[in-house]
Amino acid sequence: MSTLDQTTEEILSLAAAHFKVPRERLSPGDDFFKTLGINSLQALDLLTRLEQHFRIELPDYELQGVSDFRTLAERIQSRL
């Protein structure tokens, strides 16, 4: 089982690769909409990739209001 830090790091690395931004530009407290310059459709695409990567399903109600990597990692971690 991975730790919250490991989960956060995996999310940051996957987001950086998916949106072709340097990994060092991303930190756990960043708002991924602002930092990545993405819209809600692109965020859904990222969430789908994360669900596949971690082999989990994240219900929409759990993601409401989530916009930073750390909170996203916490929600994913709770499903692992």
C-alpha atoms as a PDB file:
ATOM      1  CA  MET A   1       0.000   0.000   0.000  1.00  0.00           C
ATOM      2  CA  SER A   2       1.359   3.404  -0.895  1.00  0.00           C
ATOM      3  CA  THR A   3       1.553   6.397   1.382  1.00  0.00           C
ATOM      4  CA  LEU A   4      -0.147   9.721   0.814  1.00  0.00           C
ATOM      5  CA  ASP A   5       3.204  11.230  -0.226  1.00  0.00           C
ATOM      6  CA  GLN A   6       3.772   8.478  -2.781  1.00  0.00           C
ATOM      7  CA  THR A   7       0.244   8.872  -4.137  1.00  0.00           C
ATOM      8  CA  THR A   8       0.688  12.648  -4.387  1.00  0.00           C
ATOM      9  CA  GLU A   9       4.000  12.227  -6.212  1.00  0.00           C
ATOM     10  CA  GLU A  10       2.450   9.775  -8.687  1.00  0.00           C
ATOM     11  CA  ILE A  11      -0.411  12.204  -9.378  1.00  0.00           C
ATOM     12  CA  LEU A  12       2.005  15.093  -9.941  1.00  0.00           C
ATOM     13  CA  SER A  13       4.155  13.016 -12.285  1.00  0.00           C
ATOM     14  CA  LEU A  14       1.161  11.741 -14.246  1.00  0.00           C
ATOM     15  CA  ALA A  15      -0.322  15.243 -14.548  1.00  0.00           C
ATOM     16  CA  ALA A  16       3.018  16.662 -15.697  1.00  0.00           C
ATOM     17  CA  ALA A  17       3.409  13.960 -18.344  1.00  0.00           C
ATOM     18  CA  HIS A  18      -0.221  14.174 -19.484  1.00  0.00           C
ATOM     19  CA  PHE A  19      -0.191  17.952 -19.909  1.00  0.00           C
ATOM     20  CA  LYS A  20       3.465  18.159 -20.978  1.00  0.00           C
ATOM     21  CA  VAL A  21       4.643  20.497 -18.227  1.00  0.00           C
ATOM     22  CA  PRO A  22       7.873  20.177 -16.233  1.00  0.00           C
ATOM     23  CA  ARG A  23       7.255  18.134 -13.079  1.00  0.00           C
ATOM     24  CA  GLU A  24       9.137  20.725 -10.997  1.00  0.00           C
ATOM     25  CA  ARG A  25       6.448  23.315 -11.812  1.00  0.00           C
ATOM     26  CA  LEU A  26       3.870  21.332  -9.857  1.00  0.00           C
ATOM     27  CA  SER A  27       3.514  21.110  -6.089  1.00  0.00           C
ATOM     28  CA  PRO A  28       0.918  19.363  -3.869  1.00  0.00           C
ATOM     29  CA  GLY A  29      -0.917  22.543  -2.852  1.00  0.00           C
ATOM     30  CA  ASP A  30      -1.307  23.848  -6.409  1.00  0.00           C
ATOM     31  CA  ASP A  31      -4.734  24.394  -7.914  1.00  0.00           C
ATOM     32  CA  PHE A  32      -4.499  22.098 -10.926  1.00  0.00           C
ATOM     33  CA  PHE A  33      -6.898  24.198 -13.002  1.00  0.00           C
ATOM     34  CA  LYS A  34      -4.690  27.283 -12.639  1.00  0.00           C
ATOM     35  CA  THR A  35      -1.265  25.632 -12.620  1.00  0.00           C
ATOM     36  CA  LEU A  36      -1.953  23.412 -15.632  1.00  0.00           C
ATOM     37  CA  GLY A  37      -4.188  25.957 -17.365  1.00  0.00           C
ATOM     38  CA  ILE A  38      -6.893  23.351 -17.924  1.00  0.00           C
ATOM     39  CA  ASN A  39     -10.666  23.385 -18.116  1.00  0.00           C
ATOM     40  CA  SER A  40     -13.140  21.008 -16.487  1.00  0.00           C
ATOM     41  CA  LEU A  41     -13.195  18.653 -19.495  1.00  0.00           C
ATOM     42  CA  GLN A  42      -9.414  18.302 -19.365  1.00  0.00           C
ATOM     43  CA  ALA A  43      -9.632  17.735 -15.598  1.00  0.00           C
ATOM     44  CA  LEU A  44     -12.087  14.886 -16.223  1.00  0.00           C
ATOM     45  CA  ASP A  45      -9.649  13.388 -18.699  1.00  0.00           C
ATOM     46  CA  LEU A  46      -6.919  13.532 -16.048  1.00  0.00           C
ATOM     47  CA  LEU A  47      -9.225  11.975 -13.443  1.00  0.00           C
ATOM     48  CA  THR A  48     -10.040   9.121 -15.829  1.00  0.00           C
ATOM     49  CA  ARG A  49      -6.329   8.473 -16.304  1.00  0.00           C
ATOM     50  CA  LEU A  50      -5.774   8.547 -12.541  1.00  0.00           C
ATOM     51  CA  GLU A  51      -8.632   6.101 -11.956  1.00  0.00           C
ATOM     52  CA  GLN A  52      -7.076   3.737 -14.494  1.00  0.00           C
ATOM     53  CA  HIS A  53      -3.588   4.164 -13.045  1.00  0.00           C
ATOM     54  CA  PHE A  54      -4.653   3.501  -9.461  1.00  0.00           C
ATOM     55  CA  ARG A  55      -7.364   0.979 -10.482  1.00  0.00           C
ATOM     56  CA  ILE A  56     -10.063   2.751  -8.490  1.00  0.00           C
ATOM     57  CA  GLU A  57     -13.331   4.557  -9.116  1.00  0.00           C
ATOM     58  CA  LEU A  58     -13.873   8.057  -7.760  1.00  0.00           C
ATOM     59  CA  PRO A  59     -17.528   9.048  -7.414  1.00  0.00           C
ATOM     60  CA  ASP A  60     -18.334  12.572  -8.591  1.00  0.00           C
ATOM     61  CA  TYR A  61     -19.604  13.620  -5.151  1.00  0.00           C
ATOM     62  CA  GLU A  62     -16.156  12.895  -3.668  1.00  0.00           C
ATOM     63  CA  LEU A  63     -14.486  15.221  -6.145  1.00  0.00           C
ATOM     64  CA  GLN A  64     -16.818  18.175  -5.821  1.00  0.00           C
ATOM     65  CA  GLY A  65     -14.810  21.247  -4.929  1.00  0.00           C
ATOM     66  CA  VAL A  66     -11.463  19.450  -5.235  1.00  0.00           C
ATOM     67  CA  SER A  67      -8.970  21.523  -7.193  1.00  0.00           C
ATOM     68  CA  ASP A  68      -5.581  20.901  -5.581  1.00  0.00           C
ATOM     69  CA  PHE A  69      -3.316  17.904  -5.970  1.00  0.00           C
ATOM     70  CA  ARG A  70      -3.022  17.174  -2.231  1.00  0.00           C
ATOM     71  CA  THR A  71      -6.790  16.860  -1.697  1.00  0.00           C
ATOM     72  CA  LEU A  72      -7.060  14.761  -4.842  1.00  0.00           C
ATOM     73  CA  ALA A  73      -4.335  12.462  -3.465  1.00  0.00           C
ATOM     74  CA  GLU A  74      -6.242  12.156  -0.160  1.00  0.00           C
ATOM     75  CA  ARG A  75      -9.417  11.121  -1.993  1.00  0.00           C
ATOM     76  CA  ILE A  76      -7.508   8.577  -4.080  1.00  0.00           C
ATOM     77  CA  GLN A  77      -5.618   7.284  -1.042  1.00  0.00           C
ATOM     78  CA  SER A  78      -8.911   6.646   0.766  1.00  0.00           C
ATOM     79  CA  ARG A  79      -9.895   4.270  -2.060  1.00  0.00           C
ATOM     80  CA  LEU A  80      -6.655   2.258  -2.157  1.00  0.00           C
END
